[in-house]
Amino acid sequence: MSLNEMEEGKKIGVLLDHWIKHNHDHAAEYEKWAEKMEKGELEKVSPYLKKASELIIRCNQEFIQAKEVLEDMKKKE
């Protein structure tokens, strides 16, 4: 692996960690707002916020898998 690839590997690892946390925070916020919407006249909005939260959690699963692959590749060096 070249020096440039090693640097990119470190960078993507940091980015993946950031994206995972960032998405987690967004998903929690969407859930919070979905609960608020259920209690008022905007209850029809709630399912869409819940779906958005679910999609972000699924996206995070892909980022987590990418992080695991990256870590496995580092172990093999």
C-alpha atoms as a PDB file:
ATOM      1  CA  MET A   1       0.000   0.000   0.000  1.00  0.00           C
ATOM      2  CA  SER A   2       1.403   3.387  -0.949  1.00  0.00           C
ATOM      3  CA  LEU A   3       1.853   6.259   1.461  1.00  0.00           C
ATOM      4  CA  ASN A   4      -0.970   8.135  -0.269  1.00  0.00           C
ATOM      5  CA  GLU A   5      -3.309   5.148   0.151  1.00  0.00           C
ATOM      6  CA  MET A   6      -2.359   4.888   3.825  1.00  0.00           C
ATOM      7  CA  GLU A   7      -3.183   8.568   4.321  1.00  0.00           C
ATOM      8  CA  GLU A   8      -6.491   8.137   2.514  1.00  0.00           C
ATOM      9  CA  GLY A   9      -7.247   5.102   4.688  1.00  0.00           C
ATOM     10  CA  LYS A  10      -6.716   7.155   7.840  1.00  0.00           C
ATOM     11  CA  LYS A  11      -8.823   9.986   6.465  1.00  0.00           C
ATOM     12  CA  ILE A  12     -11.761   7.772   5.460  1.00  0.00           C
ATOM     13  CA  GLY A  13     -11.611   6.111   8.887  1.00  0.00           C
ATOM     14  CA  VAL A  14     -12.001   9.499  10.554  1.00  0.00           C
ATOM     15  CA  LEU A  15     -14.747  10.480   8.125  1.00  0.00           C
ATOM     16  CA  LEU A  16     -16.649   7.238   8.725  1.00  0.00           C
ATOM     17  CA  ASP A  17     -16.542   7.794  12.488  1.00  0.00           C
ATOM     18  CA  HIS A  18     -17.795  11.351  11.985  1.00  0.00           C
ATOM     19  CA  TRP A  19     -20.570  10.331   9.592  1.00  0.00           C
ATOM     20  CA  ILE A  20     -21.755   7.547  11.903  1.00  0.00           C
ATOM     21  CA  LYS A  21     -22.027   9.889  14.883  1.00  0.00           C
ATOM     22  CA  HIS A  22     -23.540  12.670  12.797  1.00  0.00           C
ATOM     23  CA  ASN A  23     -26.193  10.350  11.369  1.00  0.00           C
ATOM     24  CA  HIS A  24     -26.920   8.895  14.811  1.00  0.00           C
ATOM     25  CA  ASP A  25     -27.550  12.405  16.136  1.00  0.00           C
ATOM     26  CA  HIS A  26     -29.846  13.225  13.211  1.00  0.00           C
ATOM     27  CA  ALA A  27     -31.807   9.985  13.583  1.00  0.00           C
ATOM     28  CA  ALA A  28     -32.377  10.709  17.282  1.00  0.00           C
ATOM     29  CA  GLU A  29     -33.578  14.221  16.458  1.00  0.00           C
ATOM     30  CA  TYR A  30     -35.994  12.904  13.805  1.00  0.00           C
ATOM     31  CA  GLU A  31     -37.404  10.422  16.319  1.00  0.00           C
ATOM     32  CA  LYS A  32     -37.844  13.184  18.891  1.00  0.00           C
ATOM     33  CA  TRP A  33     -39.761  15.306  16.402  1.00  0.00           C
ATOM     34  CA  ALA A  34     -41.824  12.331  15.253  1.00  0.00           C
ATOM     35  CA  GLU A  35     -42.972  11.816  18.847  1.00  0.00           C
ATOM     36  CA  LYS A  36     -43.891  15.505  19.132  1.00  0.00           C
ATOM     37  CA  MET A  37     -45.894  15.330  15.914  1.00  0.00           C
ATOM     38  CA  GLU A  38     -47.849  12.294  17.164  1.00  0.00           C
ATOM     39  CA  LYS A  39     -49.226  14.362  20.036  1.00  0.00           C
ATOM     40  CA  GLY A  40     -50.657  17.193  17.974  1.00  0.00           C
ATOM     41  CA  GLU A  41     -52.499  18.091  14.842  1.00  0.00           C
ATOM     42  CA  LEU A  42     -49.475  17.223  12.726  1.00  0.00           C
ATOM     43  CA  GLU A  43     -49.645  13.485  13.429  1.00  0.00           C
ATOM     44  CA  LYS A  44     -49.633  12.708   9.691  1.00  0.00           C
ATOM     45  CA  VAL A  45     -46.065  14.044   9.524  1.00  0.00           C
ATOM     46  CA  SER A  46     -44.769  11.608  12.144  1.00  0.00           C
ATOM     47  CA  PRO A  47     -44.484   8.471   9.965  1.00  0.00           C
ATOM     48  CA  TYR A  48     -42.287  10.311   7.476  1.00  0.00           C
ATOM     49  CA  LEU A  49     -39.917  11.464  10.186  1.00  0.00           C
ATOM     50  CA  LYS A  50     -39.771   7.933  11.562  1.00  0.00           C
ATOM     51  CA  LYS A  51     -39.037   6.578   8.083  1.00  0.00           C
ATOM     52  CA  ALA A  52     -36.253   9.145   7.626  1.00  0.00           C
ATOM     53  CA  SER A  53     -34.758   8.033  10.936  1.00  0.00           C
ATOM     54  CA  GLU A  54     -34.908   4.385   9.866  1.00  0.00           C
ATOM     55  CA  LEU A  55     -33.208   5.180   6.567  1.00  0.00           C
ATOM     56  CA  ILE A  56     -30.381   7.026   8.269  1.00  0.00           C
ATOM     57  CA  ILE A  57     -29.889   4.109  10.666  1.00  0.00           C
ATOM     58  CA  ARG A  58     -29.698   1.765   7.654  1.00  0.00           C
ATOM     59  CA  CYS A  59     -27.191   4.118   6.048  1.00  0.00           C
ATOM     60  CA  ASN A  60     -25.116   3.963   9.218  1.00  0.00           C
ATOM     61  CA  GLN A  61     -25.088   0.174   8.991  1.00  0.00           C
ATOM     62  CA  GLU A  62     -23.339   0.550   5.630  1.00  0.00           C
ATOM     63  CA  PHE A  63     -20.827   2.991   7.122  1.00  0.00           C
ATOM     64  CA  ILE A  64     -20.191   0.587  10.010  1.00  0.00           C
ATOM     65  CA  GLN A  65     -19.553  -2.250   7.564  1.00  0.00           C
ATOM     66  CA  ALA A  66     -17.185  -0.026   5.572  1.00  0.00           C
ATOM     67  CA  LYS A  67     -15.332   0.783   8.803  1.00  0.00           C
ATOM     68  CA  GLU A  68     -15.041  -2.943   9.634  1.00  0.00           C
ATOM     69  CA  VAL A  69     -13.647  -3.698   6.163  1.00  0.00           C
ATOM     70  CA  LEU A  70     -11.155  -0.862   6.529  1.00  0.00           C
ATOM     71  CA  GLU A  71     -10.049  -2.164   9.931  1.00  0.00           C
ATOM     72  CA  ASP A  72      -9.673  -5.699   8.545  1.00  0.00           C
ATOM     73  CA  MET A  73      -7.526  -4.365   5.711  1.00  0.00           C
ATOM     74  CA  LYS A  74      -5.286  -2.542   8.208  1.00  0.00           C
ATOM     75  CA  LYS A  75      -4.793  -5.769  10.208  1.00  0.00           C
ATOM     76  CA  LYS A  76      -3.601  -7.601   7.104  1.00  0.00           C
ATOM     77  CA  GLU A  77      -0.826  -5.096   6.396  1.00  0.00           C
END
